[in-house]
Amino acid sequence: MIQAGSTGDLGQGTKMSVIRAFIAVNLTPEIQRRLDEITAVFKQKLEKSPVRWVPANNIHLTLKFLGDVSLANLELLRKMMKAEIANYRPFEISVGGAGAFPTLHRPRVIWVGVEAPAELSQVQASVEGMAARLGYAPEDRPFSPHLTLGRVSRNTTPQDYRSIAAVLEKEKVGFLGALCVRSVELYKSDLLPSGAVYTDIFTALLGGDHR
């Protein structure tokens, strides 16, 4: 059990009482490697475009961004996550294709797609419901599973938008791999001058995985 003010992996002294956290599915090293290759291609093609690219080892399938979480509530969150996720059996998802939100021609987020059975949406809805019971605001958009490769600056010019759209239309992203989802993770997010660092706080196993 992790109490408020504990040190170790969660904080840097007794003054810290909250962490920034999110709930996500981890990816395999092979899929991360393929995402790194795709990002390298996009970077080269869009080297003058205002896009902040996400390092491949920081890419996860996010189910819920929680924001600030009190260290005093981590044990309750762990128990609730464990109980919720145990209701589902492992399932397989596949990764491939690319696009942008909200539209290809006015992109804010560049993503790689995720194809999944209904179980993924059920798990995400369960996580969302659990978070709501803990007082976290629900998402204002429907769940759309994806892996964020990059975020486009708000200061983007029309020419930049056209360049990004042209590259996404030309550089087709095929099938990048599949993985069996056996667990859901709670991650701590630390924003450092060098970029975001994510730390796995704990794992909730899907109920069909007894290993």
N, C-alpha and C. Protein backbone atom coordinates (compact mmCIF):
# COMPACT_ATOMS: atom_id res chain seq x y z
N MET A 1 0.84 -1.19 0.00
CA MET A 1 0.00 0.00 0.00
C MET A 1 0.88 1.25 0.00
N ILE A 2 0.50 2.24 -0.84
CA ILE A 2 1.29 3.44 -0.97
C ILE A 2 0.55 4.58 -0.29
N GLN A 3 1.13 5.13 0.76
CA GLN A 3 0.48 6.19 1.50
C GLN A 3 0.93 7.55 0.99
N ALA A 4 0.11 8.58 1.28
CA ALA A 4 0.48 9.94 0.92
C ALA A 4 1.81 10.30 1.56
N GLY A 5 2.66 10.97 0.75
CA GLY A 5 3.95 11.40 1.28
C GLY A 5 5.02 10.34 1.20
N SER A 6 4.70 9.14 0.65
CA SER A 6 5.74 8.12 0.53
C SER A 6 6.73 8.52 -0.54
N THR A 7 7.93 7.94 -0.45
CA THR A 7 8.95 8.25 -1.44
C THR A 7 9.10 7.06 -2.36
N GLY A 8 10.29 6.83 -2.88
CA GLY A 8 10.49 5.73 -3.81
C GLY A 8 10.15 6.18 -5.21
N ASP A 9 9.43 5.33 -5.97
CA ASP A 9 9.16 5.60 -7.37
C ASP A 9 8.10 6.69 -7.56
N LEU A 10 7.36 7.05 -6.51
CA LEU A 10 6.22 7.92 -6.70
C LEU A 10 6.50 9.39 -6.47
N GLY A 11 7.47 9.74 -5.71
CA GLY A 11 7.67 11.15 -5.43
C GLY A 11 9.09 11.47 -5.06
N GLN A 12 9.29 12.73 -4.72
CA GLN A 12 10.62 13.17 -4.38
C GLN A 12 10.62 13.84 -3.01
N GLY A 13 9.90 13.24 -2.04
CA GLY A 13 9.88 13.80 -0.71
C GLY A 13 8.48 13.84 -0.16
N THR A 14 8.38 14.21 1.09
CA THR A 14 7.09 14.15 1.77
C THR A 14 6.14 15.25 1.34
N LYS A 15 6.61 16.28 0.61
CA LYS A 15 5.73 17.36 0.22
C LYS A 15 4.80 16.95 -0.91
N MET A 16 5.14 15.92 -1.62
CA MET A 16 4.33 15.51 -2.75
C MET A 16 3.12 14.72 -2.28
N SER A 17 1.92 15.18 -2.64
CA SER A 17 0.70 14.51 -2.20
C SER A 17 -0.14 14.00 -3.35
N VAL A 18 0.17 14.41 -4.59
CA VAL A 18 -0.58 13.95 -5.76
C VAL A 18 0.38 13.57 -6.87
N ILE A 19 -0.11 12.74 -7.75
CA ILE A 19 0.61 12.43 -8.98
C ILE A 19 -0.35 12.65 -10.15
N ARG A 20 0.19 12.87 -11.33
CA ARG A 20 -0.63 12.87 -12.55
C ARG A 20 -0.62 11.46 -13.09
N ALA A 21 -1.79 10.94 -13.41
CA ALA A 21 -1.87 9.52 -13.75
C ALA A 21 -2.88 9.27 -14.87
N PHE A 22 -2.68 8.13 -15.53
CA PHE A 22 -3.63 7.69 -16.55
C PHE A 22 -3.66 6.17 -16.57
N ILE A 23 -4.72 5.62 -17.13
CA ILE A 23 -4.93 4.17 -17.21
C ILE A 23 -4.82 3.77 -18.67
N ALA A 24 -4.03 2.74 -18.96
CA ALA A 24 -3.75 2.41 -20.35
C ALA A 24 -3.39 0.94 -20.51
N VAL A 25 -3.37 0.51 -21.77
CA VAL A 25 -2.88 -0.82 -22.14
C VAL A 25 -1.47 -0.65 -22.69
N ASN A 26 -0.55 -1.43 -22.18
CA ASN A 26 0.83 -1.37 -22.66
C ASN A 26 0.96 -2.10 -24.00
N LEU A 27 1.95 -1.69 -24.79
CA LEU A 27 2.19 -2.30 -26.09
C LEU A 27 3.40 -3.21 -26.04
N THR A 28 3.51 -4.09 -27.01
CA THR A 28 4.68 -4.97 -27.08
C THR A 28 5.88 -4.19 -27.62
N PRO A 29 7.09 -4.63 -27.28
CA PRO A 29 8.29 -3.97 -27.84
C PRO A 29 8.30 -3.98 -29.37
N GLU A 30 7.78 -5.03 -29.98
CA GLU A 30 7.77 -5.12 -31.44
C GLU A 30 6.87 -4.04 -32.04
N ILE A 31 5.68 -3.85 -31.46
CA ILE A 31 4.79 -2.81 -31.97
C ILE A 31 5.39 -1.44 -31.73
N GLN A 32 6.01 -1.23 -30.58
CA GLN A 32 6.68 0.05 -30.33
C GLN A 32 7.79 0.30 -31.34
N ARG A 33 8.50 -0.74 -31.70
CA ARG A 33 9.57 -0.59 -32.70
C ARG A 33 8.99 -0.18 -34.05
N ARG A 34 7.88 -0.79 -34.43
CA ARG A 34 7.24 -0.44 -35.70
C ARG A 34 6.70 0.99 -35.66
N LEU A 35 6.16 1.40 -34.53
CA LEU A 35 5.67 2.77 -34.40
C LEU A 35 6.82 3.77 -34.51
N ASP A 36 7.97 3.39 -33.96
CA ASP A 36 9.15 4.25 -34.06
C ASP A 36 9.57 4.41 -35.52
N GLU A 37 9.48 3.35 -36.29
CA GLU A 37 9.83 3.41 -37.71
C GLU A 37 8.86 4.32 -38.46
N ILE A 38 7.57 4.20 -38.17
CA ILE A 38 6.57 5.03 -38.83
C ILE A 38 6.79 6.50 -38.47
N THR A 39 7.04 6.76 -37.19
CA THR A 39 7.27 8.13 -36.75
C THR A 39 8.48 8.73 -37.44
N ALA A 40 9.53 7.94 -37.62
CA ALA A 40 10.74 8.43 -38.28
C ALA A 40 10.44 8.86 -39.71
N VAL A 41 9.59 8.12 -40.40
CA VAL A 41 9.21 8.48 -41.76
C VAL A 41 8.43 9.80 -41.77
N PHE A 42 7.46 9.91 -40.88
CA PHE A 42 6.67 11.14 -40.81
C PHE A 42 7.54 12.33 -40.42
N LYS A 43 8.46 12.13 -39.49
CA LYS A 43 9.36 13.21 -39.07
C LYS A 43 10.15 13.74 -40.26
N GLN A 44 10.67 12.82 -41.05
CA GLN A 44 11.47 13.21 -42.20
C GLN A 44 10.64 13.99 -43.21
N LYS A 45 9.43 13.51 -43.46
CA LYS A 45 8.57 14.15 -44.45
C LYS A 45 8.03 15.48 -43.94
N LEU A 46 7.92 15.62 -42.63
CA LEU A 46 7.29 16.82 -42.05
C LEU A 46 8.27 17.56 -41.13
N GLU A 47 9.54 17.56 -41.49
CA GLU A 47 10.56 18.12 -40.60
C GLU A 47 10.35 19.61 -40.33
N LYS A 48 9.66 20.33 -41.21
CA LYS A 48 9.44 21.76 -41.01
C LYS A 48 8.04 22.06 -40.46
N SER A 49 7.26 21.02 -40.21
CA SER A 49 5.90 21.21 -39.70
C SER A 49 5.91 21.22 -38.17
N PRO A 50 5.02 22.02 -37.56
CA PRO A 50 5.01 22.14 -36.09
C PRO A 50 4.28 20.97 -35.42
N VAL A 51 4.94 19.82 -35.37
CA VAL A 51 4.37 18.61 -34.77
C VAL A 51 5.27 18.16 -33.64
N ARG A 52 4.68 17.90 -32.46
CA ARG A 52 5.43 17.33 -31.33
C ARG A 52 5.22 15.82 -31.36
N TRP A 53 6.27 15.10 -31.71
CA TRP A 53 6.17 13.65 -31.87
C TRP A 53 6.35 12.95 -30.53
N VAL A 54 5.60 11.89 -30.33
CA VAL A 54 5.65 11.13 -29.08
C VAL A 54 6.70 10.03 -29.22
N PRO A 55 7.66 9.93 -28.29
CA PRO A 55 8.62 8.82 -28.35
C PRO A 55 7.88 7.48 -28.31
N ALA A 56 8.35 6.53 -29.09
CA ALA A 56 7.63 5.25 -29.21
C ALA A 56 7.46 4.56 -27.87
N ASN A 57 8.45 4.69 -26.98
CA ASN A 57 8.33 4.01 -25.69
C ASN A 57 7.32 4.70 -24.76
N ASN A 58 6.80 5.86 -25.16
CA ASN A 58 5.77 6.54 -24.40
C ASN A 58 4.37 6.35 -24.99
N ILE A 59 4.26 5.57 -26.04
CA ILE A 59 2.97 5.37 -26.69
C ILE A 59 2.23 4.21 -26.03
N HIS A 60 1.02 4.48 -25.58
CA HIS A 60 0.16 3.46 -24.98
C HIS A 60 -1.24 3.60 -25.56
N LEU A 61 -2.04 2.58 -25.37
CA LEU A 61 -3.46 2.66 -25.71
C LEU A 61 -4.18 3.20 -24.47
N THR A 62 -4.41 4.50 -24.45
CA THR A 62 -4.97 5.14 -23.27
C THR A 62 -6.47 4.85 -23.14
N LEU A 63 -6.87 4.42 -21.95
CA LEU A 63 -8.28 4.17 -21.65
C LEU A 63 -8.91 5.32 -20.88
N LYS A 64 -8.12 5.97 -20.02
CA LYS A 64 -8.64 7.08 -19.23
C LYS A 64 -7.49 7.92 -18.69
N PHE A 65 -7.53 9.22 -18.98
CA PHE A 65 -6.59 10.14 -18.35
C PHE A 65 -7.24 10.67 -17.09
N LEU A 66 -6.62 10.43 -15.96
CA LEU A 66 -7.19 10.81 -14.68
C LEU A 66 -6.78 12.22 -14.25
N GLY A 67 -5.57 12.63 -14.59
CA GLY A 67 -5.06 13.89 -14.08
C GLY A 67 -4.50 13.69 -12.69
N ASP A 68 -4.76 14.62 -11.78
CA ASP A 68 -4.21 14.54 -10.43
C ASP A 68 -4.89 13.45 -9.61
N VAL A 69 -4.06 12.60 -9.02
CA VAL A 69 -4.53 11.51 -8.15
C VAL A 69 -3.81 11.64 -6.82
N SER A 70 -4.57 11.68 -5.73
CA SER A 70 -3.97 11.75 -4.39
C SER A 70 -3.28 10.43 -4.07
N LEU A 71 -2.07 10.54 -3.52
CA LEU A 71 -1.37 9.32 -3.11
C LEU A 71 -2.15 8.57 -2.05
N ALA A 72 -2.93 9.29 -1.26
CA ALA A 72 -3.73 8.65 -0.21
C ALA A 72 -4.82 7.76 -0.79
N ASN A 73 -5.19 8.01 -2.06
CA ASN A 73 -6.27 7.25 -2.68
C ASN A 73 -5.78 6.14 -3.61
N LEU A 74 -4.47 5.96 -3.70
CA LEU A 74 -3.94 4.97 -4.64
C LEU A 74 -4.38 3.55 -4.30
N GLU A 75 -4.42 3.21 -3.03
CA GLU A 75 -4.81 1.85 -2.65
C GLU A 75 -6.27 1.58 -3.02
N LEU A 76 -7.14 2.56 -2.81
CA LEU A 76 -8.54 2.41 -3.22
C LEU A 76 -8.64 2.27 -4.72
N LEU A 77 -7.89 3.09 -5.46
CA LEU A 77 -7.90 2.99 -6.91
C LEU A 77 -7.40 1.63 -7.37
N ARG A 78 -6.35 1.13 -6.74
CA ARG A 78 -5.82 -0.19 -7.10
C ARG A 78 -6.87 -1.28 -6.91
N LYS A 79 -7.56 -1.25 -5.76
CA LYS A 79 -8.57 -2.27 -5.49
C LYS A 79 -9.73 -2.20 -6.47
N MET A 80 -10.16 -0.98 -6.78
CA MET A 80 -11.27 -0.83 -7.72
C MET A 80 -10.88 -1.27 -9.12
N MET A 81 -9.68 -0.90 -9.56
CA MET A 81 -9.21 -1.34 -10.88
C MET A 81 -9.12 -2.85 -10.95
N LYS A 82 -8.54 -3.45 -9.92
CA LYS A 82 -8.38 -4.91 -9.90
C LYS A 82 -9.74 -5.60 -10.02
N ALA A 83 -10.74 -5.10 -9.27
CA ALA A 83 -12.07 -5.70 -9.29
C ALA A 83 -12.75 -5.52 -10.65
N GLU A 84 -12.61 -4.32 -11.23
CA GLU A 84 -13.26 -4.06 -12.51
C GLU A 84 -12.65 -4.89 -13.64
N ILE A 85 -11.33 -4.88 -13.73
CA ILE A 85 -10.65 -5.53 -14.84
C ILE A 85 -10.76 -7.05 -14.75
N ALA A 86 -10.90 -7.58 -13.54
CA ALA A 86 -11.02 -9.03 -13.37
C ALA A 86 -12.28 -9.59 -14.00
N ASN A 87 -13.25 -8.73 -14.34
CA ASN A 87 -14.50 -9.18 -14.93
C ASN A 87 -14.37 -9.54 -16.41
N TYR A 88 -13.22 -9.28 -17.01
CA TYR A 88 -13.05 -9.49 -18.45
C TYR A 88 -11.95 -10.48 -18.73
N ARG A 89 -12.12 -11.19 -19.83
CA ARG A 89 -11.12 -12.16 -20.26
C ARG A 89 -10.18 -11.51 -21.27
N PRO A 90 -8.95 -12.04 -21.42
CA PRO A 90 -8.02 -11.49 -22.41
C PRO A 90 -8.61 -11.52 -23.82
N PHE A 91 -8.20 -10.55 -24.61
CA PHE A 91 -8.67 -10.46 -26.00
C PHE A 91 -7.55 -9.86 -26.84
N GLU A 92 -7.67 -10.00 -28.15
CA GLU A 92 -6.61 -9.56 -29.06
C GLU A 92 -7.01 -8.28 -29.77
N ILE A 93 -6.04 -7.39 -29.94
CA ILE A 93 -6.23 -6.19 -30.75
C ILE A 93 -5.15 -6.16 -31.83
N SER A 94 -5.41 -5.43 -32.91
CA SER A 94 -4.42 -5.25 -33.96
C SER A 94 -4.19 -3.77 -34.20
N VAL A 95 -2.99 -3.46 -34.68
CA VAL A 95 -2.56 -2.07 -34.85
C VAL A 95 -2.20 -1.83 -36.31
N GLY A 96 -2.68 -0.73 -36.86
CA GLY A 96 -2.35 -0.40 -38.25
C GLY A 96 -3.20 0.75 -38.77
N GLY A 97 -2.78 1.30 -39.90
CA GLY A 97 -3.48 2.43 -40.47
C GLY A 97 -3.12 3.72 -39.75
N ALA A 98 -3.33 4.85 -40.41
CA ALA A 98 -3.01 6.14 -39.79
C ALA A 98 -4.06 7.16 -40.18
N GLY A 99 -4.19 8.19 -39.35
CA GLY A 99 -5.15 9.25 -39.62
C GLY A 99 -4.93 10.41 -38.69
N ALA A 100 -5.92 11.26 -38.57
CA ALA A 100 -5.78 12.45 -37.73
C ALA A 100 -7.13 12.85 -37.16
N PHE A 101 -7.08 13.42 -35.98
CA PHE A 101 -8.25 14.02 -35.33
C PHE A 101 -8.11 15.54 -35.37
N PRO A 102 -9.16 16.33 -35.54
CA PRO A 102 -10.53 15.88 -35.79
C PRO A 102 -10.77 15.48 -37.24
N THR A 103 -9.97 16.05 -38.17
CA THR A 103 -10.07 15.67 -39.58
C THR A 103 -8.67 15.63 -40.17
N LEU A 104 -8.54 14.96 -41.30
CA LEU A 104 -7.25 14.84 -41.96
C LEU A 104 -6.73 16.20 -42.41
N HIS A 105 -7.63 17.11 -42.78
CA HIS A 105 -7.20 18.39 -43.34
C HIS A 105 -7.11 19.50 -42.29
N ARG A 106 -7.54 19.24 -41.06
CA ARG A 106 -7.34 20.18 -39.94
C ARG A 106 -6.87 19.37 -38.73
N PRO A 107 -5.72 18.72 -38.85
CA PRO A 107 -5.30 17.76 -37.81
C PRO A 107 -4.85 18.45 -36.54
N ARG A 108 -5.23 17.85 -35.41
CA ARG A 108 -4.70 18.24 -34.10
C ARG A 108 -3.85 17.10 -33.53
N VAL A 109 -4.28 15.86 -33.83
CA VAL A 109 -3.57 14.67 -33.35
C VAL A 109 -3.36 13.73 -34.53
N ILE A 110 -2.13 13.26 -34.70
CA ILE A 110 -1.81 12.25 -35.71
C ILE A 110 -1.73 10.91 -35.01
N TRP A 111 -2.47 9.92 -35.54
CA TRP A 111 -2.58 8.67 -34.83
C TRP A 111 -2.39 7.46 -35.73
N VAL A 112 -2.12 6.33 -35.09
CA VAL A 112 -2.19 5.00 -35.71
C VAL A 112 -3.40 4.30 -35.12
N GLY A 113 -4.12 3.58 -35.97
CA GLY A 113 -5.39 2.99 -35.55
C GLY A 113 -5.25 1.68 -34.77
N VAL A 114 -6.32 1.35 -34.07
CA VAL A 114 -6.42 0.11 -33.31
C VAL A 114 -7.74 -0.56 -33.66
N GLU A 115 -7.68 -1.80 -34.08
CA GLU A 115 -8.88 -2.60 -34.31
C GLU A 115 -9.03 -3.57 -33.15
N ALA A 116 -10.24 -3.62 -32.60
CA ALA A 116 -10.43 -4.43 -31.39
C ALA A 116 -11.85 -4.94 -31.34
N PRO A 117 -12.07 -6.05 -30.64
CA PRO A 117 -13.42 -6.55 -30.43
C PRO A 117 -14.16 -5.68 -29.43
N ALA A 118 -15.42 -6.00 -29.22
CA ALA A 118 -16.26 -5.21 -28.31
C ALA A 118 -15.72 -5.19 -26.89
N GLU A 119 -14.92 -6.20 -26.53
CA GLU A 119 -14.39 -6.25 -25.16
C GLU A 119 -13.57 -5.01 -24.80
N LEU A 120 -12.87 -4.44 -25.78
CA LEU A 120 -12.06 -3.26 -25.46
C LEU A 120 -12.95 -2.10 -25.04
N SER A 121 -14.01 -1.86 -25.78
CA SER A 121 -14.94 -0.78 -25.41
C SER A 121 -15.61 -1.06 -24.07
N GLN A 122 -15.87 -2.34 -23.79
CA GLN A 122 -16.48 -2.69 -22.51
C GLN A 122 -15.51 -2.43 -21.36
N VAL A 123 -14.25 -2.78 -21.56
CA VAL A 123 -13.25 -2.52 -20.52
C VAL A 123 -13.11 -1.01 -20.32
N GLN A 124 -13.05 -0.25 -21.42
CA GLN A 124 -12.90 1.19 -21.28
C GLN A 124 -14.10 1.81 -20.58
N ALA A 125 -15.30 1.34 -20.91
CA ALA A 125 -16.51 1.87 -20.25
C ALA A 125 -16.49 1.53 -18.76
N SER A 126 -15.98 0.36 -18.42
CA SER A 126 -15.87 -0.03 -17.02
C SER A 126 -14.89 0.86 -16.28
N VAL A 127 -13.75 1.16 -16.92
CA VAL A 127 -12.77 2.06 -16.34
C VAL A 127 -13.35 3.47 -16.18
N GLU A 128 -14.09 3.91 -17.18
CA GLU A 128 -14.72 5.23 -17.12
C GLU A 128 -15.72 5.31 -15.98
N GLY A 129 -16.51 4.26 -15.84
CA GLY A 129 -17.48 4.24 -14.75
C GLY A 129 -16.82 4.22 -13.38
N MET A 130 -15.75 3.46 -13.26
CA MET A 130 -15.00 3.42 -12.01
C MET A 130 -14.45 4.80 -11.68
N ALA A 131 -13.87 5.48 -12.69
CA ALA A 131 -13.32 6.81 -12.47
C ALA A 131 -14.40 7.80 -12.06
N ALA A 132 -15.58 7.67 -12.65
CA ALA A 132 -16.69 8.57 -12.30
C ALA A 132 -17.09 8.39 -10.85
N ARG A 133 -17.09 7.14 -10.37
CA ARG A 133 -17.45 6.88 -8.97
C ARG A 133 -16.42 7.48 -8.01
N LEU A 134 -15.21 7.67 -8.51
CA LEU A 134 -14.16 8.27 -7.69
C LEU A 134 -14.13 9.79 -7.83
N GLY A 135 -15.04 10.33 -8.64
CA GLY A 135 -15.15 11.78 -8.76
C GLY A 135 -14.47 12.39 -9.97
N TYR A 136 -13.96 11.57 -10.90
CA TYR A 136 -13.32 12.11 -12.08
C TYR A 136 -14.36 12.39 -13.16
N ALA A 137 -14.22 13.51 -13.84
CA ALA A 137 -15.18 13.92 -14.86
C ALA A 137 -15.14 12.95 -16.04
N PRO A 138 -16.31 12.60 -16.59
CA PRO A 138 -16.33 11.71 -17.75
C PRO A 138 -15.81 12.41 -19.00
N GLU A 139 -15.34 11.64 -19.94
CA GLU A 139 -14.88 12.20 -21.21
C GLU A 139 -16.07 12.79 -21.96
N ASP A 140 -15.82 13.88 -22.67
CA ASP A 140 -16.90 14.50 -23.43
C ASP A 140 -16.97 14.00 -24.87
N ARG A 141 -16.10 13.03 -25.21
CA ARG A 141 -16.13 12.44 -26.55
C ARG A 141 -16.23 10.93 -26.43
N PRO A 142 -16.88 10.28 -27.40
CA PRO A 142 -16.94 8.81 -27.38
C PRO A 142 -15.53 8.22 -27.47
N PHE A 143 -15.36 7.05 -26.88
CA PHE A 143 -14.08 6.36 -26.92
C PHE A 143 -13.75 5.96 -28.35
N SER A 144 -12.57 6.34 -28.81
CA SER A 144 -12.09 5.98 -30.15
C SER A 144 -10.66 5.47 -30.01
N PRO A 145 -10.47 4.16 -29.93
CA PRO A 145 -9.13 3.62 -29.64
C PRO A 145 -8.12 4.01 -30.70
N HIS A 146 -6.97 4.53 -30.27
CA HIS A 146 -5.92 4.95 -31.18
C HIS A 146 -4.61 5.08 -30.40
N LEU A 147 -3.53 5.21 -31.14
CA LEU A 147 -2.20 5.42 -30.57
C LEU A 147 -1.68 6.75 -31.10
N THR A 148 -1.45 7.70 -30.22
CA THR A 148 -1.04 9.04 -30.63
C THR A 148 0.44 9.05 -31.03
N LEU A 149 0.69 9.42 -32.30
CA LEU A 149 2.07 9.56 -32.78
C LEU A 149 2.59 10.98 -32.57
N GLY A 150 1.72 11.98 -32.76
CA GLY A 150 2.17 13.36 -32.65
C GLY A 150 1.01 14.30 -32.45
N ARG A 151 1.31 15.48 -31.92
CA ARG A 151 0.30 16.52 -31.70
C ARG A 151 0.71 17.77 -32.47
N VAL A 152 -0.25 18.32 -33.19
CA VAL A 152 0.02 19.46 -34.07
C VAL A 152 -0.19 20.75 -33.30
N SER A 153 0.74 21.69 -33.47
CA SER A 153 0.68 22.97 -32.77
C SER A 153 -0.58 23.75 -33.16
N ARG A 154 -1.08 24.54 -32.21
CA ARG A 154 -2.23 25.40 -32.48
C ARG A 154 -1.86 26.57 -33.40
N ASN A 155 -0.58 26.80 -33.57
CA ASN A 155 -0.13 27.90 -34.43
C ASN A 155 0.16 27.45 -35.86
N THR A 156 -0.38 26.31 -36.23
CA THR A 156 -0.14 25.75 -37.55
C THR A 156 -0.76 26.62 -38.64
N THR A 157 -0.02 26.81 -39.72
CA THR A 157 -0.50 27.60 -40.86
C THR A 157 -1.30 26.71 -41.82
N PRO A 158 -2.11 27.32 -42.69
CA PRO A 158 -2.82 26.52 -43.70
C PRO A 158 -1.87 25.68 -44.55
N GLN A 159 -0.69 26.22 -44.87
CA GLN A 159 0.27 25.46 -45.65
C GLN A 159 0.75 24.22 -44.89
N ASP A 160 0.98 24.38 -43.59
CA ASP A 160 1.38 23.23 -42.76
C ASP A 160 0.29 22.17 -42.74
N TYR A 161 -0.96 22.60 -42.59
CA TYR A 161 -2.07 21.65 -42.61
C TYR A 161 -2.09 20.87 -43.92
N ARG A 162 -1.89 21.58 -45.02
CA ARG A 162 -1.90 20.90 -46.31
C ARG A 162 -0.75 19.91 -46.42
N SER A 163 0.41 20.28 -45.90
CA SER A 163 1.57 19.38 -45.95
C SER A 163 1.32 18.12 -45.13
N ILE A 164 0.78 18.30 -43.93
CA ILE A 164 0.50 17.14 -43.07
C ILE A 164 -0.52 16.22 -43.72
N ALA A 165 -1.59 16.80 -44.26
CA ALA A 165 -2.62 15.99 -44.90
C ALA A 165 -2.05 15.23 -46.10
N ALA A 166 -1.21 15.89 -46.88
CA ALA A 166 -0.63 15.24 -48.06
C ALA A 166 0.24 14.05 -47.66
N VAL A 167 1.04 14.21 -46.61
CA VAL A 167 1.89 13.10 -46.16
C VAL A 167 1.06 11.95 -45.62
N LEU A 168 0.02 12.24 -44.84
CA LEU A 168 -0.81 11.18 -44.29
C LEU A 168 -1.56 10.43 -45.39
N GLU A 169 -1.93 11.14 -46.44
CA GLU A 169 -2.63 10.49 -47.55
C GLU A 169 -1.67 9.64 -48.38
N LYS A 170 -0.42 10.08 -48.51
CA LYS A 170 0.55 9.37 -49.36
C LYS A 170 1.21 8.21 -48.64
N GLU A 171 1.61 8.42 -47.39
CA GLU A 171 2.36 7.40 -46.65
C GLU A 171 1.39 6.44 -45.95
N LYS A 172 0.97 5.44 -46.68
CA LYS A 172 0.00 4.49 -46.13
C LYS A 172 0.66 3.61 -45.06
N VAL A 173 -0.01 3.48 -43.94
CA VAL A 173 0.50 2.64 -42.85
C VAL A 173 -0.29 1.34 -42.84
N GLY A 174 0.40 0.25 -43.05
CA GLY A 174 -0.27 -1.05 -43.07
C GLY A 174 -0.38 -1.67 -41.69
N PHE A 175 -0.54 -2.97 -41.67
CA PHE A 175 -0.65 -3.72 -40.42
C PHE A 175 0.69 -3.70 -39.69
N LEU A 176 0.68 -3.29 -38.42
CA LEU A 176 1.92 -3.17 -37.64
C LEU A 176 2.10 -4.27 -36.60
N GLY A 177 1.04 -5.03 -36.35
CA GLY A 177 1.16 -6.10 -35.38
C GLY A 177 -0.09 -6.28 -34.56
N ALA A 178 -0.10 -7.35 -33.78
CA ALA A 178 -1.23 -7.66 -32.91
C ALA A 178 -0.71 -8.01 -31.53
N LEU A 179 -1.56 -7.86 -30.55
CA LEU A 179 -1.18 -8.24 -29.19
C LEU A 179 -2.40 -8.72 -28.42
N CYS A 180 -2.16 -9.58 -27.47
CA CYS A 180 -3.22 -10.06 -26.60
C CYS A 180 -3.23 -9.19 -25.35
N VAL A 181 -4.35 -8.55 -25.10
CA VAL A 181 -4.49 -7.69 -23.93
C VAL A 181 -4.79 -8.58 -22.72
N ARG A 182 -3.85 -8.63 -21.81
CA ARG A 182 -4.01 -9.45 -20.61
C ARG A 182 -4.05 -8.61 -19.33
N SER A 183 -3.77 -7.32 -19.47
CA SER A 183 -3.74 -6.47 -18.28
C SER A 183 -3.97 -5.02 -18.66
N VAL A 184 -4.30 -4.23 -17.65
CA VAL A 184 -4.45 -2.78 -17.78
C VAL A 184 -3.55 -2.16 -16.71
N GLU A 185 -2.87 -1.07 -17.07
CA GLU A 185 -1.88 -0.49 -16.18
C GLU A 185 -2.30 0.91 -15.71
N LEU A 186 -1.88 1.26 -14.51
CA LEU A 186 -1.95 2.64 -14.04
C LEU A 186 -0.56 3.23 -14.16
N TYR A 187 -0.45 4.34 -14.88
CA TYR A 187 0.83 5.00 -15.09
C TYR A 187 0.87 6.35 -14.39
N LYS A 188 2.04 6.66 -13.84
CA LYS A 188 2.33 8.00 -13.34
C LYS A 188 3.04 8.77 -14.43
N SER A 189 2.67 10.04 -14.61
CA SER A 189 3.27 10.88 -15.63
C SER A 189 4.03 12.02 -14.97
N ASP A 190 5.32 12.11 -15.26
CA ASP A 190 6.15 13.21 -14.78
C ASP A 190 6.59 14.05 -15.98
N LEU A 191 6.31 15.35 -15.93
CA LEU A 191 6.70 16.24 -17.01
C LEU A 191 8.05 16.86 -16.66
N LEU A 192 9.09 16.42 -17.38
CA LEU A 192 10.45 16.90 -17.15
C LEU A 192 10.87 17.80 -18.31
N PRO A 193 11.93 18.60 -18.13
CA PRO A 193 12.41 19.43 -19.24
C PRO A 193 12.71 18.62 -20.50
N SER A 194 13.13 17.38 -20.32
CA SER A 194 13.45 16.52 -21.46
C SER A 194 12.22 15.86 -22.07
N GLY A 195 11.06 16.03 -21.45
CA GLY A 195 9.84 15.42 -21.95
C GLY A 195 9.14 14.60 -20.87
N ALA A 196 8.03 14.00 -21.23
CA ALA A 196 7.24 13.22 -20.28
C ALA A 196 7.92 11.88 -20.00
N VAL A 197 7.88 11.48 -18.72
CA VAL A 197 8.37 10.17 -18.31
C VAL A 197 7.21 9.43 -17.64
N TYR A 198 6.92 8.23 -18.11
CA TYR A 198 5.81 7.44 -17.59
C TYR A 198 6.35 6.28 -16.77
N THR A 199 5.75 6.07 -15.60
CA THR A 199 6.15 4.98 -14.72
C THR A 199 4.94 4.12 -14.41
N ASP A 200 5.08 2.82 -14.59
CA ASP A 200 4.01 1.87 -14.30
C ASP A 200 3.87 1.73 -12.79
N ILE A 201 2.70 2.14 -12.25
CA ILE A 201 2.47 2.09 -10.81
C ILE A 201 1.95 0.72 -10.38
N PHE A 202 0.92 0.23 -11.06
CA PHE A 202 0.47 -1.14 -10.80
C PHE A 202 -0.32 -1.69 -11.98
N THR A 203 -0.51 -3.01 -11.96
CA THR A 203 -1.13 -3.75 -13.04
C THR A 203 -2.38 -4.45 -12.55
N ALA A 204 -3.45 -4.35 -13.33
CA ALA A 204 -4.68 -5.10 -13.04
C ALA A 204 -4.85 -6.16 -14.13
N LEU A 205 -4.89 -7.42 -13.75
CA LEU A 205 -4.98 -8.52 -14.71
C LEU A 205 -6.43 -8.78 -15.11
N LEU A 206 -6.62 -9.04 -16.40
CA LEU A 206 -7.93 -9.48 -16.84
C LEU A 206 -8.20 -10.85 -16.24
N GLY A 207 -9.48 -11.10 -15.92
CA GLY A 207 -9.83 -12.27 -15.12
C GLY A 207 -9.48 -13.61 -15.71
N GLY A 208 -9.35 -13.69 -17.04
CA GLY A 208 -9.04 -14.97 -17.64
C GLY A 208 -7.57 -15.34 -17.58
N ASP A 209 -6.72 -14.41 -17.11
CA ASP A 209 -5.29 -14.65 -17.07
C ASP A 209 -4.89 -15.05 -15.65
N HIS A 210 -4.61 -16.33 -15.46
CA HIS A 210 -4.29 -16.84 -14.12
C HIS A 210 -2.80 -17.11 -13.93
N ARG A 211 -1.98 -16.58 -14.88
CA ARG A 211 -0.54 -16.84 -14.74
C ARG A 211 0.06 -15.97 -13.65
